[in-house]
N, C-alpha and C. Protein backbone atom coordinates (compact mmCIF):
# COMPACT_ATOMS: atom_id res chain seq x y z
N MET A 1 50.78 -55.08 27.44
CA MET A 1 49.81 -54.82 28.48
C MET A 1 48.78 -55.94 28.46
N LYS A 2 48.39 -56.38 29.64
CA LYS A 2 47.37 -57.40 29.74
C LYS A 2 46.09 -56.80 30.32
N LEU A 3 44.97 -57.18 29.70
CA LEU A 3 43.66 -56.73 30.14
C LEU A 3 42.82 -57.94 30.51
N LYS A 4 41.94 -57.76 31.48
CA LYS A 4 40.98 -58.79 31.84
C LYS A 4 39.61 -58.29 31.42
N MET A 5 38.87 -59.18 30.75
CA MET A 5 37.50 -58.88 30.36
C MET A 5 36.57 -59.70 31.24
N ALA A 6 35.65 -59.02 31.93
CA ALA A 6 34.67 -59.69 32.79
C ALA A 6 33.28 -59.35 32.30
N VAL A 7 32.39 -60.34 32.32
CA VAL A 7 31.01 -60.15 31.89
C VAL A 7 30.10 -60.50 33.05
N ALA A 8 29.18 -59.58 33.37
CA ALA A 8 28.24 -59.76 34.48
C ALA A 8 28.98 -60.13 35.77
N GLY A 9 30.13 -59.51 35.97
CA GLY A 9 30.90 -59.70 37.20
C GLY A 9 31.80 -60.93 37.22
N LYS A 10 31.85 -61.71 36.14
CA LYS A 10 32.66 -62.93 36.10
C LYS A 10 33.79 -62.78 35.07
N ASP A 11 35.04 -63.03 35.50
CA ASP A 11 36.16 -62.97 34.57
C ASP A 11 35.98 -63.98 33.45
N VAL A 12 36.21 -63.52 32.22
CA VAL A 12 36.02 -64.37 31.04
C VAL A 12 37.35 -64.69 30.37
N CYS A 13 38.14 -63.66 30.06
CA CYS A 13 39.38 -63.92 29.33
C CYS A 13 40.43 -62.85 29.63
N THR A 14 41.66 -63.19 29.29
CA THR A 14 42.78 -62.27 29.39
C THR A 14 43.22 -61.92 27.97
N ILE A 15 43.44 -60.64 27.74
CA ILE A 15 43.81 -60.12 26.42
C ILE A 15 45.17 -59.46 26.52
N GLU A 16 46.02 -59.75 25.55
CA GLU A 16 47.29 -59.04 25.44
C GLU A 16 47.16 -57.96 24.38
N VAL A 17 47.43 -56.72 24.77
CA VAL A 17 47.44 -55.60 23.83
C VAL A 17 48.89 -55.36 23.44
N TRP A 18 49.16 -55.31 22.15
CA TRP A 18 50.51 -55.14 21.64
C TRP A 18 50.91 -53.67 21.70
N GLU A 19 51.50 -53.28 22.81
CA GLU A 19 51.86 -51.87 23.01
C GLU A 19 52.86 -51.36 21.98
N ASP A 20 53.72 -52.24 21.47
CA ASP A 20 54.68 -51.81 20.46
C ASP A 20 54.00 -51.48 19.13
N LYS A 21 52.83 -52.08 18.86
CA LYS A 21 52.12 -51.84 17.61
C LYS A 21 51.02 -50.80 17.74
N VAL A 22 50.51 -50.60 18.97
CA VAL A 22 49.42 -49.64 19.18
C VAL A 22 49.73 -48.78 20.42
N PRO A 23 50.83 -48.04 20.41
CA PRO A 23 51.24 -47.29 21.61
C PRO A 23 50.25 -46.20 22.03
N LYS A 24 49.63 -45.51 21.09
CA LYS A 24 48.70 -44.44 21.45
C LYS A 24 47.44 -45.00 22.10
N LEU A 25 46.93 -46.07 21.55
CA LEU A 25 45.75 -46.70 22.13
C LEU A 25 46.07 -47.29 23.50
N ALA A 26 47.22 -47.93 23.63
CA ALA A 26 47.64 -48.48 24.92
C ALA A 26 47.73 -47.37 25.97
N GLU A 27 48.24 -46.23 25.57
CA GLU A 27 48.33 -45.09 26.49
C GLU A 27 46.93 -44.66 26.95
N GLU A 28 45.97 -44.64 26.03
CA GLU A 28 44.59 -44.29 26.39
C GLU A 28 43.99 -45.31 27.35
N PHE A 29 44.27 -46.59 27.11
CA PHE A 29 43.79 -47.62 28.05
C PHE A 29 44.36 -47.39 29.44
N ARG A 30 45.64 -47.09 29.51
CA ARG A 30 46.27 -46.85 30.82
C ARG A 30 45.63 -45.66 31.54
N LYS A 31 45.24 -44.65 30.80
CA LYS A 31 44.62 -43.47 31.41
C LYS A 31 43.19 -43.73 31.87
N LYS A 32 42.44 -44.56 31.13
CA LYS A 32 40.99 -44.62 31.33
C LYS A 32 40.43 -45.91 31.90
N LEU A 33 41.19 -46.99 31.89
CA LEU A 33 40.67 -48.24 32.44
C LEU A 33 40.92 -48.29 33.94
N PRO A 34 40.08 -48.95 34.72
CA PRO A 34 39.00 -49.85 34.32
C PRO A 34 37.75 -49.08 33.88
N MET A 35 36.94 -49.78 33.10
CA MET A 35 35.72 -49.19 32.57
C MET A 35 34.66 -50.28 32.43
N THR A 36 33.42 -49.92 32.70
CA THR A 36 32.30 -50.84 32.54
C THR A 36 31.33 -50.27 31.52
N THR A 37 30.84 -51.14 30.63
CA THR A 37 29.92 -50.73 29.58
C THR A 37 28.99 -51.90 29.25
N MET A 38 28.37 -51.88 28.08
CA MET A 38 27.39 -52.90 27.70
C MET A 38 27.94 -53.80 26.58
N LEU A 39 27.81 -55.11 26.77
CA LEU A 39 28.30 -56.08 25.80
C LEU A 39 27.25 -56.32 24.72
N GLN A 40 27.73 -56.38 23.48
CA GLN A 40 26.86 -56.63 22.33
C GLN A 40 27.47 -57.74 21.47
N HIS A 41 26.66 -58.30 20.59
CA HIS A 41 27.14 -59.33 19.66
C HIS A 41 27.09 -58.78 18.25
N GLY A 42 28.11 -59.08 17.46
CA GLY A 42 28.16 -58.66 16.07
C GLY A 42 27.23 -59.51 15.23
N LYS A 43 25.96 -59.18 15.19
CA LYS A 43 24.95 -60.01 14.52
C LYS A 43 25.24 -60.24 13.04
N LEU A 44 25.77 -59.26 12.37
CA LEU A 44 25.97 -59.39 10.92
C LEU A 44 27.38 -59.75 10.52
N ILE A 45 28.30 -59.77 11.45
CA ILE A 45 29.70 -59.96 11.07
C ILE A 45 30.36 -61.17 11.70
N GLY A 46 29.60 -62.10 12.23
CA GLY A 46 30.20 -63.34 12.67
C GLY A 46 30.34 -63.50 14.16
N ASP A 47 31.32 -64.32 14.54
CA ASP A 47 31.54 -64.72 15.93
C ASP A 47 32.34 -63.67 16.69
N MET A 48 31.68 -62.57 17.01
CA MET A 48 32.37 -61.46 17.65
C MET A 48 31.47 -60.77 18.67
N VAL A 49 32.06 -60.46 19.82
CA VAL A 49 31.40 -59.58 20.78
C VAL A 49 32.13 -58.25 20.73
N PHE A 50 31.41 -57.20 21.08
CA PHE A 50 32.04 -55.88 21.07
C PHE A 50 31.36 -54.98 22.09
N PHE A 51 32.05 -53.90 22.42
CA PHE A 51 31.49 -52.90 23.31
C PHE A 51 32.14 -51.56 23.00
N THR A 52 31.40 -50.52 23.30
CA THR A 52 31.86 -49.17 23.00
C THR A 52 32.56 -48.58 24.22
N LEU A 53 33.70 -47.96 23.97
CA LEU A 53 34.47 -47.28 25.02
C LEU A 53 34.63 -45.81 24.61
N PRO A 54 34.54 -44.89 25.55
CA PRO A 54 34.73 -43.48 25.21
C PRO A 54 36.21 -43.13 25.04
N ILE A 55 36.82 -43.78 24.05
CA ILE A 55 38.24 -43.58 23.77
C ILE A 55 38.38 -43.19 22.31
N VAL A 56 39.03 -42.08 22.08
CA VAL A 56 39.30 -41.63 20.71
C VAL A 56 40.79 -41.88 20.46
N ALA A 57 41.06 -42.63 19.40
CA ALA A 57 42.45 -42.96 19.10
C ALA A 57 42.62 -43.07 17.58
N PRO A 58 43.79 -42.73 17.07
CA PRO A 58 44.02 -42.86 15.62
C PRO A 58 44.19 -44.33 15.24
N TRP A 59 44.09 -44.59 13.93
CA TRP A 59 44.37 -45.94 13.44
C TRP A 59 45.81 -46.31 13.80
N GLU A 60 46.00 -47.51 14.29
CA GLU A 60 47.34 -48.05 14.53
C GLU A 60 47.30 -49.52 14.15
N ASN A 61 48.38 -50.02 13.59
CA ASN A 61 48.44 -51.41 13.12
C ASN A 61 47.20 -51.70 12.27
N LYS A 62 47.00 -50.84 11.29
CA LYS A 62 45.78 -50.85 10.47
C LYS A 62 45.74 -52.03 9.51
N TYR A 63 44.63 -52.73 9.56
CA TYR A 63 44.35 -53.87 8.69
C TYR A 63 42.95 -53.69 8.12
N LEU A 64 42.61 -54.53 7.14
CA LEU A 64 41.22 -54.71 6.75
C LEU A 64 40.71 -55.90 7.53
N THR A 65 39.44 -55.90 7.91
CA THR A 65 38.93 -57.00 8.73
C THR A 65 39.17 -58.36 8.08
N GLU A 66 39.04 -58.43 6.76
CA GLU A 66 39.26 -59.70 6.07
C GLU A 66 40.70 -60.18 6.21
N GLU A 67 41.66 -59.25 6.33
CA GLU A 67 43.07 -59.61 6.48
C GLU A 67 43.36 -60.19 7.86
N VAL A 68 42.68 -59.67 8.88
CA VAL A 68 42.90 -60.17 10.25
C VAL A 68 42.53 -61.65 10.31
N GLY A 69 41.33 -61.98 9.83
CA GLY A 69 40.90 -63.38 9.83
C GLY A 69 41.82 -64.28 9.04
N ARG A 70 42.22 -63.82 7.86
CA ARG A 70 43.12 -64.61 7.01
C ARG A 70 44.46 -64.86 7.70
N GLU A 71 45.02 -63.81 8.31
CA GLU A 71 46.31 -63.95 8.98
C GLU A 71 46.23 -64.92 10.16
N ARG A 72 45.18 -64.80 10.96
CA ARG A 72 45.04 -65.69 12.13
C ARG A 72 44.81 -67.13 11.70
N ARG A 73 44.04 -67.34 10.63
CA ARG A 73 43.82 -68.72 10.16
C ARG A 73 45.14 -69.33 9.68
N ALA A 74 45.95 -68.54 8.98
CA ALA A 74 47.24 -69.04 8.49
C ALA A 74 48.18 -69.36 9.65
N LYS A 75 48.14 -68.55 10.70
CA LYS A 75 49.07 -68.72 11.82
C LYS A 75 48.56 -69.71 12.87
N TYR A 76 47.24 -69.66 13.18
CA TYR A 76 46.69 -70.45 14.29
C TYR A 76 45.63 -71.46 13.88
N GLY A 77 45.19 -71.42 12.62
CA GLY A 77 44.15 -72.34 12.17
C GLY A 77 42.74 -71.84 12.40
N SER A 78 42.59 -70.67 13.01
CA SER A 78 41.27 -70.10 13.30
C SER A 78 41.39 -68.59 13.48
N GLY A 79 40.30 -67.90 13.21
CA GLY A 79 40.27 -66.45 13.43
C GLY A 79 40.01 -66.09 14.88
N ALA A 80 39.62 -67.08 15.69
CA ALA A 80 39.29 -66.84 17.10
C ALA A 80 40.47 -66.23 17.85
N GLY A 81 40.14 -65.32 18.76
CA GLY A 81 41.16 -64.73 19.61
C GLY A 81 41.67 -63.38 19.15
N SER A 82 41.29 -62.95 17.96
CA SER A 82 41.77 -61.64 17.51
C SER A 82 41.02 -60.53 18.25
N VAL A 83 41.73 -59.46 18.54
CA VAL A 83 41.18 -58.32 19.25
C VAL A 83 41.49 -57.07 18.43
N CYS A 84 40.44 -56.29 18.16
CA CYS A 84 40.59 -55.11 17.32
C CYS A 84 39.86 -53.91 17.94
N PHE A 85 40.20 -52.73 17.46
CA PHE A 85 39.52 -51.52 17.89
C PHE A 85 39.09 -50.76 16.64
N TYR A 86 37.79 -50.49 16.56
CA TYR A 86 37.24 -49.76 15.41
C TYR A 86 37.06 -48.31 15.84
N SER A 87 38.02 -47.49 15.48
CA SER A 87 38.08 -46.10 15.95
C SER A 87 36.86 -45.24 15.63
N PRO A 88 36.30 -45.30 14.41
CA PRO A 88 35.19 -44.40 14.12
C PRO A 88 33.99 -44.57 15.06
N ARG A 89 33.77 -45.78 15.55
CA ARG A 89 32.65 -46.00 16.48
C ARG A 89 33.13 -46.32 17.89
N GLN A 90 34.42 -46.25 18.12
CA GLN A 90 35.02 -46.47 19.43
C GLN A 90 34.67 -47.85 19.98
N GLN A 91 34.73 -48.88 19.13
CA GLN A 91 34.32 -50.22 19.51
C GLN A 91 35.52 -51.15 19.71
N PHE A 92 35.52 -51.79 20.85
CA PHE A 92 36.51 -52.80 21.22
C PHE A 92 35.90 -54.14 20.81
N CYS A 93 36.56 -54.87 19.91
CA CYS A 93 35.99 -56.08 19.30
C CYS A 93 36.84 -57.30 19.63
N VAL A 94 36.17 -58.39 20.05
CA VAL A 94 36.86 -59.62 20.41
C VAL A 94 36.19 -60.78 19.66
N VAL A 95 36.98 -61.47 18.83
CA VAL A 95 36.46 -62.58 18.03
C VAL A 95 36.58 -63.86 18.85
N TYR A 96 35.47 -64.60 18.96
CA TYR A 96 35.46 -65.83 19.76
C TYR A 96 35.38 -67.10 18.93
N GLY A 97 35.15 -67.00 17.64
CA GLY A 97 35.03 -68.18 16.78
C GLY A 97 35.69 -67.92 15.44
N ASP A 98 35.42 -68.80 14.48
CA ASP A 98 36.09 -68.67 13.19
C ASP A 98 35.26 -67.98 12.12
N ASP A 99 34.03 -67.63 12.43
CA ASP A 99 33.19 -66.90 11.47
C ASP A 99 33.53 -65.41 11.61
N THR A 100 34.45 -64.95 10.77
CA THR A 100 34.92 -63.56 10.86
C THR A 100 34.45 -62.77 9.65
N ALA A 101 34.46 -61.46 9.80
CA ALA A 101 34.01 -60.57 8.74
C ALA A 101 34.93 -60.67 7.52
N GLU A 102 34.33 -60.84 6.38
CA GLU A 102 35.07 -60.86 5.12
C GLU A 102 34.71 -59.59 4.35
N GLU A 103 35.17 -58.48 4.85
CA GLU A 103 34.86 -57.21 4.21
C GLU A 103 36.08 -56.29 4.29
N PRO A 104 36.19 -55.36 3.36
CA PRO A 104 37.34 -54.46 3.35
C PRO A 104 37.13 -53.24 4.25
N LEU A 105 36.85 -53.49 5.52
CA LEU A 105 36.63 -52.42 6.50
C LEU A 105 37.92 -52.20 7.29
N PRO A 106 38.44 -50.98 7.34
CA PRO A 106 39.67 -50.76 8.11
C PRO A 106 39.43 -50.90 9.61
N ILE A 107 40.43 -51.46 10.29
CA ILE A 107 40.33 -51.67 11.74
C ILE A 107 41.74 -51.70 12.31
N SER A 108 41.89 -51.34 13.57
CA SER A 108 43.18 -51.46 14.24
C SER A 108 43.25 -52.84 14.90
N TYR A 109 44.20 -53.64 14.46
CA TYR A 109 44.42 -54.98 15.03
C TYR A 109 45.33 -54.78 16.22
N ILE A 110 44.79 -54.92 17.45
CA ILE A 110 45.50 -54.44 18.64
C ILE A 110 46.04 -55.52 19.56
N GLY A 111 45.60 -56.77 19.38
CA GLY A 111 46.09 -57.81 20.29
C GLY A 111 45.37 -59.11 20.10
N GLU A 112 45.46 -59.97 21.14
CA GLU A 112 44.84 -61.28 21.06
C GLU A 112 44.49 -61.80 22.44
N VAL A 113 43.53 -62.72 22.45
CA VAL A 113 43.15 -63.41 23.68
C VAL A 113 44.24 -64.43 23.99
N ILE A 114 44.79 -64.38 25.20
CA ILE A 114 45.87 -65.30 25.56
C ILE A 114 45.43 -66.32 26.61
N GLU A 115 44.25 -66.13 27.18
CA GLU A 115 43.74 -67.04 28.20
C GLU A 115 42.22 -66.93 28.23
N GLY A 116 41.55 -68.06 28.36
CA GLY A 116 40.09 -68.05 28.49
C GLY A 116 39.33 -68.16 27.18
N GLY A 117 39.93 -68.77 26.17
CA GLY A 117 39.27 -68.89 24.87
C GLY A 117 37.94 -69.63 24.93
N LEU A 118 37.88 -70.71 25.70
CA LEU A 118 36.64 -71.48 25.81
C LEU A 118 35.56 -70.66 26.53
N GLU A 119 35.94 -70.00 27.62
CA GLU A 119 34.99 -69.15 28.35
C GLU A 119 34.48 -68.02 27.46
N LEU A 120 35.37 -67.47 26.63
CA LEU A 120 34.98 -66.42 25.70
C LEU A 120 33.97 -66.95 24.68
N LYS A 121 34.20 -68.15 24.17
CA LYS A 121 33.28 -68.72 23.19
C LYS A 121 31.88 -68.92 23.81
N VAL A 122 31.84 -69.44 25.02
CA VAL A 122 30.55 -69.61 25.72
C VAL A 122 29.88 -68.25 25.91
N THR A 123 30.65 -67.26 26.32
CA THR A 123 30.12 -65.90 26.51
C THR A 123 29.60 -65.34 25.19
N GLY A 124 30.32 -65.58 24.11
CA GLY A 124 29.87 -65.10 22.80
C GLY A 124 28.54 -65.70 22.39
N ILE A 125 28.40 -67.00 22.56
CA ILE A 125 27.14 -67.67 22.22
C ILE A 125 26.01 -67.17 23.11
N GLU A 126 26.28 -67.02 24.39
CA GLU A 126 25.26 -66.49 25.32
C GLU A 126 24.85 -65.08 24.92
N THR A 127 25.81 -64.28 24.49
CA THR A 127 25.53 -62.89 24.13
C THR A 127 24.67 -62.79 22.88
N TRP A 128 24.77 -63.78 22.00
CA TRP A 128 23.90 -63.81 20.82
C TRP A 128 22.44 -63.73 21.26
N PHE A 129 22.12 -64.41 22.35
CA PHE A 129 20.74 -64.48 22.84
C PHE A 129 20.42 -63.47 23.93
N ASP A 130 21.44 -62.96 24.61
CA ASP A 130 21.23 -62.09 25.77
C ASP A 130 22.17 -60.89 25.70
N GLN A 131 21.83 -59.95 24.84
CA GLN A 131 22.68 -58.76 24.71
C GLN A 131 22.40 -57.79 25.85
N GLY A 132 23.38 -57.00 26.16
CA GLY A 132 23.18 -55.94 27.13
C GLY A 132 23.69 -56.23 28.53
N ARG A 133 24.37 -57.37 28.71
CA ARG A 133 25.00 -57.61 30.02
C ARG A 133 26.16 -56.63 30.18
N THR A 134 26.57 -56.42 31.41
CA THR A 134 27.70 -55.52 31.64
C THR A 134 29.00 -56.22 31.29
N VAL A 135 29.93 -55.44 30.79
CA VAL A 135 31.27 -55.93 30.52
C VAL A 135 32.25 -54.93 31.13
N GLU A 136 33.24 -55.46 31.82
CA GLU A 136 34.28 -54.61 32.42
C GLU A 136 35.61 -54.96 31.78
N LEU A 137 36.37 -53.94 31.48
CA LEU A 137 37.73 -54.12 30.96
C LEU A 137 38.67 -53.44 31.94
N ARG A 138 39.67 -54.20 32.40
CA ARG A 138 40.62 -53.63 33.36
C ARG A 138 42.04 -54.13 33.07
N ILE A 139 43.01 -53.38 33.49
CA ILE A 139 44.42 -53.75 33.33
C ILE A 139 44.78 -54.70 34.46
N VAL A 140 45.52 -55.78 34.15
CA VAL A 140 45.88 -56.77 35.17
C VAL A 140 47.37 -56.92 35.39
N GLU A 141 48.19 -56.16 34.73
CA GLU A 141 49.63 -56.32 34.96
C GLU A 141 50.16 -55.26 35.88
């Protein structure tokens, strides 16, 4: 499944959600998207933007946050582009740079950014200074 993330009405990036690895969460996205909420920056955990969605889903493709960054660096040379869902707080998380969380926090590793990495990085840096812009997530396939 492909999702488009738009901030303040402007398309930023395209995300691929791995339906084979997170089928229950993908099903929830199909039921509830499009959705608009508030964009925030992960001040304490690195180069990440996130937003809360009213979606309750079990852990799927469960990793520790430190493992996601390590795996992406080994495969792509950077942690940028990883997309995760933190079920306890219903947070959709998108990493835009290589400063990733090095902590043993469980998370569902659900997909990756496949288009718009540079735009996402600019949006991430802007969000550090200007939190609270609207973010829309919608299905594009």
